[in-house]
């Protein structure tokens, strides 16, 4: 079974949701470490997606330059 890809927007939305739950003290201590790990994973995923997108855009712009 293939793993479902998380989009950048979905990752950001999940991060915001977790942060809001932490700020509103909606998480108990038992869930806190798990959620912090999830946020760390999602942040790394977002960084990688941004790096990949930046590299793709730079490549496209370079290809568009006149020789």
N, C-alpha and C. Protein backbone atom coordinates (compact mmCIF):
# COMPACT_ATOMS: atom_id res chain seq x y z
N UNK A 1 0.84 -1.19 0.00
CA UNK A 1 0.00 0.00 0.00
C UNK A 1 0.88 1.25 0.00
N UNK A 2 0.63 2.17 -0.90
CA UNK A 2 1.44 3.39 -1.02
C UNK A 2 1.12 4.36 0.10
N UNK A 3 2.17 5.05 0.52
CA UNK A 3 2.00 6.05 1.56
C UNK A 3 1.44 7.33 0.94
N UNK A 4 0.45 7.91 1.58
CA UNK A 4 -0.18 9.13 1.07
C UNK A 4 0.74 10.32 1.32
N UNK A 5 0.94 11.13 0.29
CA UNK A 5 1.76 12.33 0.41
C UNK A 5 0.99 13.42 1.14
N UNK A 6 1.68 14.09 2.03
CA UNK A 6 1.10 15.23 2.75
C UNK A 6 1.46 16.48 1.97
N UNK A 7 0.46 17.29 1.65
CA UNK A 7 0.74 18.53 0.94
C UNK A 7 1.29 19.57 1.92
N UNK A 8 1.93 20.57 1.37
CA UNK A 8 2.48 21.65 2.18
C UNK A 8 1.36 22.32 2.98
N UNK A 9 0.25 22.61 2.31
CA UNK A 9 -0.86 23.29 2.99
C UNK A 9 -1.46 22.43 4.09
N UNK A 10 -1.58 21.12 3.85
CA UNK A 10 -2.09 20.22 4.88
C UNK A 10 -1.16 20.18 6.09
N UNK A 11 0.15 20.17 5.82
CA UNK A 11 1.13 20.14 6.90
C UNK A 11 1.04 21.42 7.74
N UNK A 12 0.95 22.55 7.08
CA UNK A 12 0.85 23.83 7.79
C UNK A 12 -0.43 23.87 8.63
N UNK A 13 -1.52 23.42 8.05
CA UNK A 13 -2.80 23.41 8.78
C UNK A 13 -2.71 22.52 10.01
N UNK A 14 -2.07 21.36 9.87
CA UNK A 14 -1.94 20.46 11.02
C UNK A 14 -1.04 21.07 12.10
N UNK A 15 0.05 21.71 11.68
CA UNK A 15 0.94 22.37 12.63
C UNK A 15 0.17 23.45 13.39
N UNK A 16 -0.59 24.27 12.67
CA UNK A 16 -1.36 25.33 13.31
C UNK A 16 -2.38 24.76 14.29
N UNK A 17 -3.01 23.65 13.92
CA UNK A 17 -3.99 23.01 14.80
C UNK A 17 -3.33 22.51 16.09
N UNK A 18 -2.20 21.86 15.94
CA UNK A 18 -1.50 21.34 17.13
C UNK A 18 -1.05 22.49 18.03
N UNK A 19 -0.51 23.54 17.44
CA UNK A 19 -0.05 24.69 18.23
C UNK A 19 -1.23 25.32 18.97
N UNK A 20 -2.36 25.45 18.29
CA UNK A 20 -3.54 26.03 18.94
C UNK A 20 -3.98 25.15 20.11
N UNK A 21 -3.95 23.85 19.93
CA UNK A 21 -4.34 22.94 21.01
C UNK A 21 -3.38 23.03 22.19
N UNK A 22 -2.10 23.21 21.90
CA UNK A 22 -1.10 23.36 22.98
C UNK A 22 -1.35 24.68 23.71
N UNK A 23 -1.54 25.76 22.94
CA UNK A 23 -1.77 27.07 23.55
C UNK A 23 -3.04 27.11 24.39
N UNK A 24 -4.05 26.38 23.96
CA UNK A 24 -5.32 26.35 24.69
C UNK A 24 -5.36 25.27 25.77
N UNK A 25 -4.21 24.65 25.96
CA UNK A 25 -4.06 23.61 26.98
C UNK A 25 -5.08 22.48 26.79
N UNK A 26 -5.31 22.11 25.53
CA UNK A 26 -6.26 21.05 25.21
C UNK A 26 -5.59 19.67 25.17
N UNK A 27 -4.26 19.64 25.25
CA UNK A 27 -3.54 18.37 25.21
C UNK A 27 -3.11 17.99 26.60
N UNK A 28 -3.23 16.71 26.91
CA UNK A 28 -2.72 16.27 28.20
C UNK A 28 -1.24 15.92 28.06
N UNK A 29 -0.59 15.72 29.15
CA UNK A 29 0.85 15.48 29.18
C UNK A 29 1.22 14.25 28.36
N UNK A 30 0.37 13.23 28.38
CA UNK A 30 0.66 12.00 27.66
C UNK A 30 0.70 12.22 26.14
N UNK A 31 -0.07 13.14 25.63
CA UNK A 31 -0.10 13.41 24.19
C UNK A 31 0.91 14.47 23.76
N UNK A 32 1.40 15.26 24.69
CA UNK A 32 2.25 16.40 24.36
C UNK A 32 3.50 15.99 23.58
N UNK A 33 4.25 15.01 24.06
CA UNK A 33 5.50 14.62 23.39
C UNK A 33 5.21 14.11 21.98
N UNK A 34 4.15 13.33 21.84
CA UNK A 34 3.79 12.80 20.52
C UNK A 34 3.46 13.94 19.55
N UNK A 35 2.73 14.91 20.00
CA UNK A 35 2.34 16.04 19.14
C UNK A 35 3.55 16.91 18.79
N UNK A 36 4.46 17.10 19.74
CA UNK A 36 5.66 17.89 19.46
C UNK A 36 6.52 17.16 18.42
N UNK A 37 6.62 15.84 18.52
CA UNK A 37 7.34 15.06 17.51
C UNK A 37 6.68 15.20 16.15
N UNK A 38 5.36 15.19 16.12
CA UNK A 38 4.63 15.33 14.86
C UNK A 38 4.89 16.69 14.24
N UNK A 39 4.89 17.74 15.06
CA UNK A 39 5.18 19.09 14.55
C UNK A 39 6.60 19.14 13.98
N UNK A 40 7.54 18.52 14.67
CA UNK A 40 8.92 18.49 14.19
C UNK A 40 8.99 17.80 12.83
N UNK A 41 8.32 16.66 12.69
CA UNK A 41 8.27 15.95 11.42
C UNK A 41 7.67 16.83 10.32
N UNK A 42 6.55 17.46 10.63
CA UNK A 42 5.86 18.30 9.64
C UNK A 42 6.71 19.51 9.24
N UNK A 43 7.40 20.11 10.20
CA UNK A 43 8.27 21.25 9.88
C UNK A 43 9.40 20.83 8.94
N UNK A 44 9.98 19.67 9.21
CA UNK A 44 11.04 19.17 8.32
C UNK A 44 10.50 18.89 6.92
N UNK A 45 9.31 18.35 6.85
CA UNK A 45 8.67 18.08 5.57
C UNK A 45 8.46 19.39 4.81
N UNK A 46 7.97 20.42 5.49
CA UNK A 46 7.75 21.73 4.86
C UNK A 46 9.06 22.33 4.37
N UNK A 47 10.11 22.23 5.17
CA UNK A 47 11.42 22.76 4.76
C UNK A 47 11.89 22.08 3.48
N UNK A 48 11.75 20.77 3.42
CA UNK A 48 12.18 20.03 2.23
C UNK A 48 11.36 20.41 1.01
N UNK A 49 10.06 20.56 1.20
CA UNK A 49 9.20 20.97 0.08
C UNK A 49 9.59 22.36 -0.41
N UNK A 50 9.90 23.27 0.51
CA UNK A 50 10.31 24.62 0.12
C UNK A 50 11.65 24.60 -0.62
N UNK A 51 12.60 23.80 -0.13
CA UNK A 51 13.90 23.69 -0.81
C UNK A 51 13.74 23.14 -2.21
N UNK A 52 12.92 22.09 -2.34
CA UNK A 52 12.70 21.48 -3.65
C UNK A 52 12.04 22.46 -4.60
N UNK A 53 11.05 23.17 -4.12
CA UNK A 53 10.35 24.15 -4.96
C UNK A 53 11.29 25.27 -5.37
N UNK A 54 12.11 25.75 -4.44
CA UNK A 54 13.06 26.81 -4.76
C UNK A 54 14.04 26.35 -5.84
N UNK A 55 14.54 25.13 -5.71
CA UNK A 55 15.48 24.60 -6.70
C UNK A 55 14.81 24.47 -8.07
N UNK A 56 13.57 24.02 -8.10
CA UNK A 56 12.84 23.88 -9.36
C UNK A 56 12.62 25.24 -10.02
N UNK A 57 12.24 26.23 -9.22
CA UNK A 57 12.00 27.57 -9.76
C UNK A 57 13.31 28.16 -10.29
N UNK A 58 14.40 28.00 -9.55
CA UNK A 58 15.69 28.51 -10.01
C UNK A 58 16.10 27.85 -11.32
N UNK A 59 15.87 26.55 -11.45
CA UNK A 59 16.20 25.83 -12.67
C UNK A 59 15.38 26.36 -13.84
N UNK A 60 14.10 26.56 -13.62
CA UNK A 60 13.21 27.07 -14.68
C UNK A 60 13.65 28.47 -15.11
N UNK A 61 13.95 29.32 -14.13
CA UNK A 61 14.38 30.69 -14.46
C UNK A 61 15.69 30.68 -15.21
N UNK A 62 16.59 29.79 -14.84
CA UNK A 62 17.89 29.71 -15.51
C UNK A 62 17.69 29.26 -16.96
N UNK A 63 16.77 28.31 -17.17
CA UNK A 63 16.48 27.82 -18.52
C UNK A 63 15.85 28.91 -19.38
N UNK A 64 15.17 29.86 -18.76
CA UNK A 64 14.51 30.93 -19.50
C UNK A 64 15.47 32.04 -19.92
N UNK A 65 16.65 32.09 -19.29
CA UNK A 65 17.62 33.14 -19.61
C UNK A 65 18.13 32.97 -21.04
N UNK A 66 18.28 34.10 -21.74
CA UNK A 66 18.85 34.00 -23.09
C UNK A 66 20.32 33.61 -23.02
N UNK A 67 20.76 32.89 -24.04
CA UNK A 67 22.15 32.42 -24.03
C UNK A 67 23.10 33.44 -24.55
